[in-house]
N, C-alpha and C. Protein backbone atom coordinates (compact mmCIF):
# COMPACT_ATOMS: atom_id res chain seq x y z
N MET A 1 -13.79 -20.05 -24.64
CA MET A 1 -12.43 -19.75 -24.18
C MET A 1 -12.67 -20.10 -22.59
N GLN A 2 -11.60 -20.72 -22.16
CA GLN A 2 -11.75 -21.00 -20.51
C GLN A 2 -10.86 -20.12 -19.85
N ILE A 3 -11.32 -19.95 -18.61
CA ILE A 3 -10.58 -18.94 -17.55
C ILE A 3 -10.20 -19.89 -16.48
N LEU A 4 -8.71 -19.70 -15.94
CA LEU A 4 -8.57 -20.49 -14.97
C LEU A 4 -8.19 -19.80 -13.60
N GLN A 5 -8.73 -20.07 -12.62
CA GLN A 5 -8.35 -19.24 -11.37
C GLN A 5 -8.21 -20.41 -10.17
N GLY A 6 -6.90 -20.50 -9.66
CA GLY A 6 -6.51 -21.35 -8.73
C GLY A 6 -7.03 -22.89 -9.00
N GLY A 7 -6.87 -23.29 -10.31
CA GLY A 7 -7.15 -24.65 -10.69
C GLY A 7 -8.77 -24.75 -11.19
N THR A 8 -9.47 -23.80 -10.97
CA THR A 8 -10.75 -24.03 -11.32
C THR A 8 -11.10 -23.33 -12.79
N TYR A 9 -11.86 -23.98 -13.77
CA TYR A 9 -12.16 -23.43 -14.93
C TYR A 9 -13.55 -22.65 -14.92
N LEU A 10 -13.59 -21.37 -15.40
CA LEU A 10 -14.93 -20.66 -15.37
C LEU A 10 -15.31 -20.33 -16.69
N ASP A 11 -16.47 -20.18 -17.17
CA ASP A 11 -17.05 -19.63 -18.15
C ASP A 11 -16.56 -18.09 -18.23
N SER A 12 -16.00 -17.82 -19.49
CA SER A 12 -15.62 -16.48 -19.55
C SER A 12 -16.59 -15.24 -19.45
N LEU A 13 -17.86 -15.74 -19.43
CA LEU A 13 -18.96 -14.83 -19.42
C LEU A 13 -19.07 -14.20 -17.83
N GLN A 14 -18.56 -14.93 -16.91
CA GLN A 14 -18.57 -15.02 -15.34
C GLN A 14 -17.68 -13.88 -15.04
N ILE A 15 -16.74 -13.30 -15.79
CA ILE A 15 -15.63 -12.38 -15.40
C ILE A 15 -16.42 -11.23 -15.85
N ARG A 16 -16.46 -10.23 -15.14
CA ARG A 16 -16.93 -8.71 -15.42
C ARG A 16 -15.61 -7.85 -15.55
N TRP A 17 -15.83 -7.04 -16.50
CA TRP A 17 -14.78 -6.08 -16.83
C TRP A 17 -14.41 -5.22 -15.66
N THR A 18 -15.45 -4.90 -14.82
CA THR A 18 -15.19 -4.23 -13.37
C THR A 18 -14.20 -4.72 -12.50
N ASN A 19 -14.10 -6.21 -12.69
CA ASN A 19 -13.15 -7.11 -11.89
C ASN A 19 -11.63 -6.62 -12.47
N ILE A 20 -11.51 -6.52 -13.77
CA ILE A 20 -10.29 -6.16 -14.33
C ILE A 20 -9.76 -4.60 -13.66
N ALA A 21 -10.50 -3.73 -13.69
CA ALA A 21 -10.49 -2.25 -13.03
C ALA A 21 -10.11 -2.51 -11.43
N GLN A 22 -10.51 -3.49 -10.82
CA GLN A 22 -10.51 -3.56 -9.38
C GLN A 22 -9.31 -4.59 -8.97
N GLY A 23 -8.44 -4.74 -9.89
CA GLY A 23 -7.17 -5.35 -9.60
C GLY A 23 -6.97 -6.72 -10.04
N ILE A 24 -7.82 -7.31 -10.96
CA ILE A 24 -7.40 -8.56 -11.73
C ILE A 24 -6.90 -8.28 -12.91
N GLU A 25 -5.64 -9.14 -13.22
CA GLU A 25 -5.01 -8.95 -14.30
C GLU A 25 -5.18 -10.14 -15.16
N LEU A 26 -5.78 -10.20 -16.51
CA LEU A 26 -6.06 -11.14 -17.27
C LEU A 26 -4.65 -11.46 -18.28
N LYS A 27 -4.41 -12.50 -18.41
CA LYS A 27 -3.24 -12.84 -19.38
C LYS A 27 -3.88 -14.05 -20.10
N LYS A 28 -3.59 -13.98 -21.61
CA LYS A 28 -4.24 -14.65 -22.61
C LYS A 28 -2.98 -15.67 -23.03
N TYR A 29 -3.27 -17.17 -22.83
CA TYR A 29 -2.55 -18.08 -23.23
C TYR A 29 -3.39 -19.02 -24.44
N GLY A 30 -3.11 -18.61 -25.52
CA GLY A 30 -3.86 -19.29 -26.36
C GLY A 30 -5.45 -19.18 -26.35
N ARG A 31 -6.12 -20.27 -26.03
CA ARG A 31 -7.57 -20.17 -25.55
C ARG A 31 -7.83 -20.11 -24.16
N LEU A 32 -6.63 -20.02 -23.40
CA LEU A 32 -6.78 -19.89 -21.88
C LEU A 32 -6.37 -18.80 -21.40
N LEU A 33 -7.24 -18.17 -20.41
CA LEU A 33 -6.90 -16.79 -19.83
C LEU A 33 -6.74 -17.02 -18.36
N ILE A 34 -5.72 -16.59 -17.98
CA ILE A 34 -5.20 -16.90 -16.50
C ILE A 34 -5.24 -15.36 -15.70
N PHE A 35 -5.94 -15.17 -14.73
CA PHE A 35 -5.86 -14.13 -13.85
C PHE A 35 -5.07 -13.97 -12.64
N ASN A 36 -4.61 -13.10 -12.33
CA ASN A 36 -3.70 -12.94 -11.04
C ASN A 36 -4.50 -11.70 -10.20
N ARG A 37 -4.50 -11.78 -9.02
CA ARG A 37 -4.84 -10.80 -8.20
C ARG A 37 -3.55 -9.57 -8.03
N MET A 38 -4.11 -8.57 -8.10
CA MET A 38 -3.16 -7.31 -7.84
C MET A 38 -2.44 -7.45 -6.36
N LYS A 39 -1.21 -7.12 -6.45
CA LYS A 39 -0.70 -7.30 -4.91
C LYS A 39 -0.37 -6.05 -4.52
N ILE A 40 -0.83 -5.26 -3.44
CA ILE A 40 -0.30 -4.19 -2.78
C ILE A 40 0.20 -4.46 -1.44
N ALA A 41 1.29 -3.82 -1.26
CA ALA A 41 1.90 -3.86 0.05
C ALA A 41 1.64 -2.55 0.94
N ILE A 42 1.31 -2.75 2.21
CA ILE A 42 1.35 -1.78 3.03
C ILE A 42 2.30 -1.73 4.01
N ILE A 43 3.28 -0.60 4.00
CA ILE A 43 4.40 -0.65 4.96
C ILE A 43 4.13 0.46 5.87
N ASN A 44 4.05 0.41 7.20
CA ASN A 44 4.07 1.38 8.25
C ASN A 44 5.36 1.32 9.15
N GLY A 45 5.58 2.63 9.51
CA GLY A 45 6.91 2.89 10.27
C GLY A 45 6.59 2.94 11.72
N PRO A 46 7.49 3.61 12.48
CA PRO A 46 7.40 3.56 13.83
C PRO A 46 6.18 4.09 14.48
N ASN A 47 5.75 3.64 15.62
CA ASN A 47 4.84 3.88 16.30
C ASN A 47 3.35 3.65 15.74
N LEU A 48 3.35 3.24 14.55
CA LEU A 48 2.03 3.05 13.88
C LEU A 48 1.40 1.80 14.37
N ASN A 49 2.06 0.97 15.30
CA ASN A 49 1.58 -0.34 15.82
C ASN A 49 0.64 0.26 16.98
N LEU A 50 0.81 1.72 17.30
CA LEU A 50 -0.03 2.15 18.46
C LEU A 50 -1.28 2.83 17.97
N LEU A 51 -1.56 2.95 16.84
CA LEU A 51 -2.77 3.48 16.36
C LEU A 51 -4.13 3.02 17.22
N GLY A 52 -4.82 4.06 17.32
CA GLY A 52 -6.05 3.61 18.33
C GLY A 52 -5.76 3.93 19.88
N ILE A 53 -4.51 4.05 20.18
CA ILE A 53 -4.06 4.48 21.45
C ILE A 53 -3.32 5.62 21.44
N ARG A 54 -2.37 5.85 20.54
CA ARG A 54 -1.37 6.75 20.42
C ARG A 54 -2.12 8.38 20.02
N GLU A 55 -2.12 9.35 20.79
CA GLU A 55 -2.56 10.73 20.47
C GLU A 55 -3.79 10.43 19.48
N PRO A 56 -4.86 10.14 19.99
CA PRO A 56 -6.19 9.73 19.22
C PRO A 56 -6.60 11.14 18.60
N GLY A 57 -6.55 12.06 19.12
CA GLY A 57 -6.71 13.59 18.67
C GLY A 57 -6.08 13.70 17.06
N ILE A 58 -4.93 13.30 17.03
CA ILE A 58 -4.31 13.32 15.94
C ILE A 58 -4.42 12.25 14.92
N TYR A 59 -4.47 11.23 15.54
CA TYR A 59 -4.45 9.72 14.69
C TYR A 59 -5.64 8.96 14.57
N GLY A 60 -6.67 9.40 15.54
CA GLY A 60 -7.77 8.64 15.46
C GLY A 60 -7.70 7.58 16.66
N ARG A 61 -8.98 6.93 16.60
CA ARG A 61 -9.23 5.91 17.46
C ARG A 61 -9.23 4.42 16.99
N GLN A 62 -9.35 4.32 15.81
CA GLN A 62 -9.29 3.04 15.22
C GLN A 62 -7.88 2.28 14.95
N THR A 63 -7.87 0.94 15.57
CA THR A 63 -6.59 0.41 15.41
C THR A 63 -6.38 0.21 13.68
N PHE A 64 -5.15 0.02 13.42
CA PHE A 64 -4.86 -0.27 12.03
C PHE A 64 -5.32 -1.83 11.67
N GLU A 65 -5.19 -2.59 12.57
CA GLU A 65 -5.72 -3.92 12.39
C GLU A 65 -7.05 -3.95 12.01
N ASP A 66 -8.08 -3.07 12.74
CA ASP A 66 -9.47 -3.05 12.38
C ASP A 66 -9.65 -2.44 11.00
N PHE A 67 -8.83 -1.42 10.78
CA PHE A 67 -8.84 -0.69 9.34
C PHE A 67 -8.64 -1.69 8.33
N LEU A 68 -7.38 -2.40 8.44
CA LEU A 68 -7.08 -3.39 7.51
C LEU A 68 -8.02 -4.29 7.10
N LYS A 69 -8.74 -4.91 8.27
CA LYS A 69 -9.65 -5.89 7.85
C LYS A 69 -10.80 -5.40 7.07
N GLY A 70 -11.17 -4.05 7.52
CA GLY A 70 -12.42 -3.47 6.58
C GLY A 70 -11.72 -3.17 5.22
N LEU A 71 -10.51 -2.75 5.00
CA LEU A 71 -10.12 -2.53 3.71
C LEU A 71 -10.11 -3.90 2.89
N LYS A 72 -9.50 -5.02 3.43
CA LYS A 72 -9.41 -6.32 2.82
C LYS A 72 -11.03 -6.63 2.55
N GLU A 73 -11.82 -6.48 3.33
CA GLU A 73 -13.31 -6.85 2.99
C GLU A 73 -13.83 -6.15 1.85
N LYS A 74 -13.49 -4.81 1.61
CA LYS A 74 -13.90 -3.79 0.64
C LYS A 74 -13.29 -4.19 -0.64
N TYR A 75 -12.01 -4.58 -0.72
CA TYR A 75 -11.31 -5.05 -1.86
C TYR A 75 -11.03 -6.63 -2.00
N PRO A 76 -11.61 -7.39 -1.78
CA PRO A 76 -11.39 -8.88 -1.58
C PRO A 76 -10.54 -9.46 -3.02
N GLU A 77 -10.80 -8.69 -4.08
CA GLU A 77 -10.10 -9.07 -5.27
C GLU A 77 -8.60 -8.80 -5.28
N ILE A 78 -7.86 -7.82 -4.43
CA ILE A 78 -6.74 -7.37 -4.20
C ILE A 78 -6.16 -8.20 -3.12
N GLN A 79 -4.67 -8.63 -3.30
CA GLN A 79 -4.15 -9.05 -2.22
C GLN A 79 -3.40 -7.92 -1.67
N ILE A 80 -3.70 -7.71 -0.37
CA ILE A 80 -3.35 -6.68 0.40
C ILE A 80 -2.33 -7.14 1.63
N ASP A 81 -0.99 -6.95 1.47
CA ASP A 81 -0.19 -7.51 2.72
C ASP A 81 0.37 -6.29 3.27
N TYR A 82 0.49 -6.77 4.86
CA TYR A 82 0.77 -5.42 5.77
C TYR A 82 2.12 -5.93 6.31
N PHE A 83 2.91 -5.00 6.60
CA PHE A 83 4.02 -4.98 7.29
C PHE A 83 4.45 -3.55 8.35
N GLN A 84 4.62 -3.81 9.69
CA GLN A 84 4.96 -2.71 10.40
C GLN A 84 6.21 -2.94 11.11
N SER A 85 6.94 -1.91 11.26
CA SER A 85 8.26 -2.00 12.18
C SER A 85 8.66 -0.78 12.71
N ASN A 86 9.16 -0.61 13.69
CA ASN A 86 9.74 0.49 14.35
C ASN A 86 11.21 0.69 14.07
N VAL A 87 11.82 -0.32 13.26
CA VAL A 87 13.16 -0.25 12.93
C VAL A 87 13.50 -0.10 11.65
N GLU A 88 14.08 1.01 11.27
CA GLU A 88 14.42 1.67 9.99
C GLU A 88 14.98 0.55 8.97
N GLY A 89 15.94 -0.34 9.38
CA GLY A 89 16.74 -1.29 8.64
C GLY A 89 15.60 -2.31 8.15
N GLU A 90 14.63 -2.61 9.14
CA GLU A 90 13.55 -3.64 8.71
C GLU A 90 12.61 -3.14 7.53
N LEU A 91 12.33 -1.69 7.68
CA LEU A 91 11.64 -1.22 6.60
C LEU A 91 12.21 -1.15 5.35
N VAL A 92 13.55 -0.93 5.32
CA VAL A 92 14.38 -1.02 4.05
C VAL A 92 14.40 -2.44 3.39
N ASN A 93 14.43 -3.26 4.43
CA ASN A 93 14.37 -4.81 4.11
C ASN A 93 13.11 -5.13 3.35
N GLU A 94 11.92 -4.65 3.94
CA GLU A 94 10.74 -5.05 3.43
C GLU A 94 10.55 -4.25 2.10
N LEU A 95 10.93 -3.09 1.97
CA LEU A 95 10.83 -2.43 0.58
C LEU A 95 11.50 -3.16 -0.53
N GLN A 96 12.70 -3.72 -0.26
CA GLN A 96 13.29 -4.50 -1.01
C GLN A 96 12.83 -6.01 -1.40
N ARG A 97 12.29 -6.36 -0.51
CA ARG A 97 11.49 -7.90 -0.64
C ARG A 97 10.42 -7.56 -1.47
N VAL A 98 9.52 -6.67 -1.43
CA VAL A 98 8.42 -6.42 -2.06
C VAL A 98 8.52 -5.78 -3.40
N GLY A 99 9.46 -5.03 -3.23
CA GLY A 99 9.88 -3.64 -4.29
C GLY A 99 10.08 -4.33 -5.86
N PHE A 100 10.11 -5.53 -6.14
CA PHE A 100 10.26 -6.07 -7.55
C PHE A 100 8.93 -6.92 -7.91
N SER A 101 8.17 -7.38 -7.18
CA SER A 101 7.26 -8.25 -7.35
C SER A 101 5.73 -7.73 -7.10
N TYR A 102 5.64 -6.72 -6.35
CA TYR A 102 4.28 -6.16 -6.18
C TYR A 102 4.03 -5.08 -7.29
N ASP A 103 2.60 -4.75 -7.28
CA ASP A 103 2.07 -3.63 -8.02
C ASP A 103 2.09 -2.38 -7.50
N GLY A 104 2.27 -2.20 -6.21
CA GLY A 104 2.27 -0.93 -5.61
C GLY A 104 2.48 -0.96 -4.12
N ILE A 105 3.11 -0.10 -3.56
CA ILE A 105 3.37 0.17 -2.17
C ILE A 105 2.79 1.37 -1.52
N LEU A 106 2.15 1.20 -0.40
CA LEU A 106 1.65 2.44 0.35
C LEU A 106 2.41 2.38 1.44
N LEU A 107 3.20 3.44 1.52
CA LEU A 107 4.25 3.68 2.56
C LEU A 107 3.99 4.65 3.73
N ASN A 108 3.87 4.55 4.51
CA ASN A 108 3.81 5.57 5.81
C ASN A 108 5.23 5.47 6.80
N ALA A 109 6.09 5.99 6.26
CA ALA A 109 7.54 5.96 6.97
C ALA A 109 7.42 6.70 8.27
N ALA A 110 6.47 7.32 8.76
CA ALA A 110 6.14 8.17 9.96
C ALA A 110 7.31 9.03 10.14
N ALA A 111 7.82 8.92 11.19
CA ALA A 111 8.94 9.87 11.59
C ALA A 111 10.32 9.71 10.66
N TYR A 112 10.36 8.43 10.31
CA TYR A 112 11.44 8.32 9.07
C TYR A 112 11.38 8.94 8.14
N THR A 113 10.28 9.48 7.64
CA THR A 113 10.08 10.34 6.47
C THR A 113 10.94 11.50 6.62
N HIS A 114 11.15 11.91 7.68
CA HIS A 114 12.13 13.37 7.91
C HIS A 114 13.39 13.23 8.02
N THR A 115 13.95 11.67 8.20
CA THR A 115 15.15 11.33 8.78
C THR A 115 15.76 10.73 7.97
N SER A 116 15.33 9.85 7.18
CA SER A 116 15.87 8.46 6.52
C SER A 116 16.42 8.54 5.16
N ILE A 117 17.77 8.87 4.92
CA ILE A 117 18.15 8.78 3.51
C ILE A 117 18.07 7.37 3.22
N ALA A 118 18.10 6.24 4.08
CA ALA A 118 18.13 4.89 3.79
C ALA A 118 16.73 4.41 2.94
N ILE A 119 15.76 4.83 3.51
CA ILE A 119 14.42 4.46 3.23
C ILE A 119 14.23 5.30 1.65
N GLY A 120 14.52 6.59 1.55
CA GLY A 120 14.54 7.08 0.23
C GLY A 120 15.43 6.41 -0.83
N ASP A 121 16.50 5.85 -0.51
CA ASP A 121 17.57 5.22 -1.19
C ASP A 121 16.70 3.77 -1.66
N ALA A 122 15.95 3.13 -0.66
CA ALA A 122 15.61 1.91 -1.16
C ALA A 122 14.41 1.85 -2.03
N ILE A 123 13.59 3.21 -1.93
CA ILE A 123 12.55 3.56 -2.88
C ILE A 123 13.12 3.56 -4.38
N ALA A 124 14.23 4.41 -4.39
CA ALA A 124 14.80 4.69 -5.72
C ALA A 124 15.34 3.57 -6.35
N ALA A 125 15.68 2.60 -5.43
CA ALA A 125 16.21 1.41 -5.99
C ALA A 125 15.10 0.04 -6.39
N ILE A 126 14.07 0.41 -6.01
CA ILE A 126 13.32 -0.62 -6.35
C ILE A 126 12.15 -0.22 -7.79
N LYS A 127 11.57 -1.18 -8.33
CA LYS A 127 10.73 -0.94 -9.35
C LYS A 127 9.29 -0.68 -9.15
N THR A 128 8.76 -1.28 -7.93
CA THR A 128 7.39 -1.01 -7.62
C THR A 128 7.07 0.17 -7.34
N PRO A 129 6.14 0.92 -7.76
CA PRO A 129 5.78 2.38 -7.47
C PRO A 129 5.34 2.43 -6.15
N VAL A 130 5.66 3.70 -5.47
CA VAL A 130 5.37 3.74 -3.97
C VAL A 130 4.59 5.06 -3.70
N VAL A 131 3.62 5.01 -3.03
CA VAL A 131 2.67 6.29 -2.77
C VAL A 131 2.99 6.42 -1.23
N GLU A 132 3.50 7.77 -1.06
CA GLU A 132 3.82 8.13 0.46
C GLU A 132 2.50 8.57 0.99
N ILE A 133 2.10 7.88 2.29
CA ILE A 133 1.01 7.99 2.86
C ILE A 133 1.27 8.77 4.48
N HIS A 134 0.53 9.87 4.86
CA HIS A 134 0.60 10.18 6.23
C HIS A 134 -0.84 10.41 6.88
N ILE A 135 -1.10 9.92 8.03
CA ILE A 135 -2.36 10.15 8.39
C ILE A 135 -2.74 11.73 8.73
N SER A 136 -1.91 12.17 9.56
CA SER A 136 -1.93 13.58 9.85
C SER A 136 -1.49 14.33 8.89
N ASN A 137 -1.93 15.68 8.77
CA ASN A 137 -1.56 16.53 7.70
C ASN A 137 -0.26 17.04 8.10
N ILE A 138 0.82 16.68 7.58
CA ILE A 138 2.22 17.16 8.29
C ILE A 138 2.62 18.45 8.01
N ALA A 139 1.94 19.04 7.12
CA ALA A 139 2.25 20.32 6.64
C ALA A 139 1.75 21.52 7.71
N ALA A 140 0.84 20.86 8.40
CA ALA A 140 0.35 21.64 9.52
C ALA A 140 0.70 21.38 10.93
N ARG A 141 1.81 20.37 10.98
CA ARG A 141 2.28 20.16 12.16
C ARG A 141 3.67 20.83 12.52
N GLU A 142 4.61 20.25 13.21
CA GLU A 142 5.92 20.89 13.51
C GLU A 142 6.69 21.15 12.41
N GLU A 143 7.63 22.18 12.35
CA GLU A 143 8.38 22.65 11.17
C GLU A 143 9.36 21.55 10.56
N TYR A 144 9.91 20.62 11.65
CA TYR A 144 10.84 19.54 10.82
C TYR A 144 10.01 18.52 10.11
N ARG A 145 8.69 18.58 10.41
CA ARG A 145 7.61 17.56 9.61
C ARG A 145 7.58 18.20 8.29
N LEU A 146 8.02 19.25 7.87
CA LEU A 146 7.70 19.91 6.53
C LEU A 146 8.68 19.22 5.63
N ARG A 147 9.84 18.67 5.91
CA ARG A 147 10.80 18.08 4.99
C ARG A 147 10.61 16.57 4.89
N SER A 148 10.26 16.07 3.54
CA SER A 148 10.36 14.55 3.55
C SER A 148 11.53 14.02 2.65
N LEU A 149 12.13 13.18 3.15
CA LEU A 149 13.49 12.64 2.47
C LEU A 149 12.88 11.52 1.53
N VAL A 150 11.68 11.22 1.39
CA VAL A 150 11.06 10.08 0.73
C VAL A 150 10.24 10.55 -0.51
N ALA A 151 9.77 11.81 -0.27
CA ALA A 151 8.77 12.06 -1.23
C ALA A 151 9.20 12.19 -2.72
N ALA A 152 10.43 12.55 -2.65
CA ALA A 152 10.84 12.73 -4.22
C ALA A 152 11.02 11.50 -5.00
N LYS A 153 10.97 10.23 -4.26
CA LYS A 153 11.43 9.00 -4.82
C LYS A 153 9.95 8.25 -5.24
N CYS A 154 8.83 9.02 -4.50
CA CYS A 154 7.50 8.53 -4.62
C CYS A 154 6.78 9.11 -5.76
N VAL A 155 5.68 8.09 -6.26
CA VAL A 155 4.84 8.72 -7.32
C VAL A 155 3.82 9.77 -6.85
N GLY A 156 3.57 9.89 -5.56
CA GLY A 156 2.68 10.76 -5.04
C GLY A 156 2.76 10.61 -3.55
N ALA A 157 2.03 11.61 -3.08
CA ALA A 157 1.86 11.58 -1.60
C ALA A 157 0.29 12.12 -1.16
N ILE A 158 -0.23 11.25 0.00
CA ILE A 158 -1.42 11.71 0.62
C ILE A 158 -1.16 12.08 2.13
N ALA A 159 -1.72 13.08 2.48
CA ALA A 159 -1.58 13.37 3.89
C ALA A 159 -2.88 14.17 4.42
N GLY A 160 -3.06 13.88 5.76
CA GLY A 160 -4.07 14.46 6.39
C GLY A 160 -5.50 14.20 6.36
N LEU A 161 -5.48 12.94 5.73
CA LEU A 161 -7.21 12.46 5.55
C LEU A 161 -7.29 11.29 6.40
N GLY A 162 -6.48 11.09 7.15
CA GLY A 162 -6.79 9.87 8.37
C GLY A 162 -6.32 8.73 7.54
N LEU A 163 -6.98 7.53 8.20
CA LEU A 163 -6.82 6.22 7.68
C LEU A 163 -7.27 6.26 6.07
N LYS A 164 -8.18 7.01 5.59
CA LYS A 164 -8.83 7.03 4.44
C LYS A 164 -7.74 7.31 3.44
N GLY A 165 -6.67 7.90 3.71
CA GLY A 165 -5.42 7.97 2.80
C GLY A 165 -5.09 6.73 2.04
N TYR A 166 -4.92 5.73 3.01
CA TYR A 166 -4.60 4.50 2.75
C TYR A 166 -5.60 3.92 1.19
N GLU A 167 -6.79 3.94 1.68
CA GLU A 167 -7.92 3.55 0.70
C GLU A 167 -7.66 4.40 -0.60
N LEU A 168 -7.19 5.82 -0.44
CA LEU A 168 -7.12 6.53 -1.62
C LEU A 168 -5.94 6.18 -2.44
N GLY A 169 -4.68 5.80 -1.72
CA GLY A 169 -3.70 5.21 -2.13
C GLY A 169 -3.89 4.08 -3.03
N LEU A 170 -4.44 3.15 -2.30
CA LEU A 170 -4.84 1.84 -3.11
C LEU A 170 -5.57 2.06 -4.54
N GLN A 171 -6.51 3.05 -4.41
CA GLN A 171 -7.27 3.26 -5.59
C GLN A 171 -6.39 3.94 -6.72
N TYR A 172 -5.39 4.63 -6.42
CA TYR A 172 -4.24 4.98 -7.37
C TYR A 172 -3.80 3.92 -8.17
N PHE A 173 -3.66 2.74 -7.50
CA PHE A 173 -3.03 1.65 -8.38
C PHE A 173 -4.13 1.05 -9.09
N LEU A 174 -5.39 1.25 -8.97
CA LEU A 174 -6.53 0.25 -9.66
C LEU A 174 -6.58 0.75 -11.05
């Protein structure tokens, strides 16, 4: 049996079962196996472009770009795409763009978590499962942060574990 990846034929013994668990999907076509990388989208909302600078006592000193580089190095078999915007409508557009072709979405809607009916509606309208992510423990912060308008549309939520929450959300989809 032959396995095709990006135009290269490989001996089927070269593929380890652990790779399947880490995000490689195998499809059988007769005697040919074709595998695709799992696709995960990370979508960050307002002010998350300032990670590493903004309120480091709450959000830490690491930039998201540095964290993302490390995450991609740790999970090279997964296609991880990143989008950040401070604009609500752009977040809705991105959810709709990836929401029918990706395997999972990690969404940190930031302040829009507590105010955006539109983002909640966009999550409800797409097929791709969404995990809500928050770097800080929103339950231990201001009272208005206790209410999430997106949580009920998501498959789960991770909050208060810093940037590690993104990796834990990624592992949910494996």
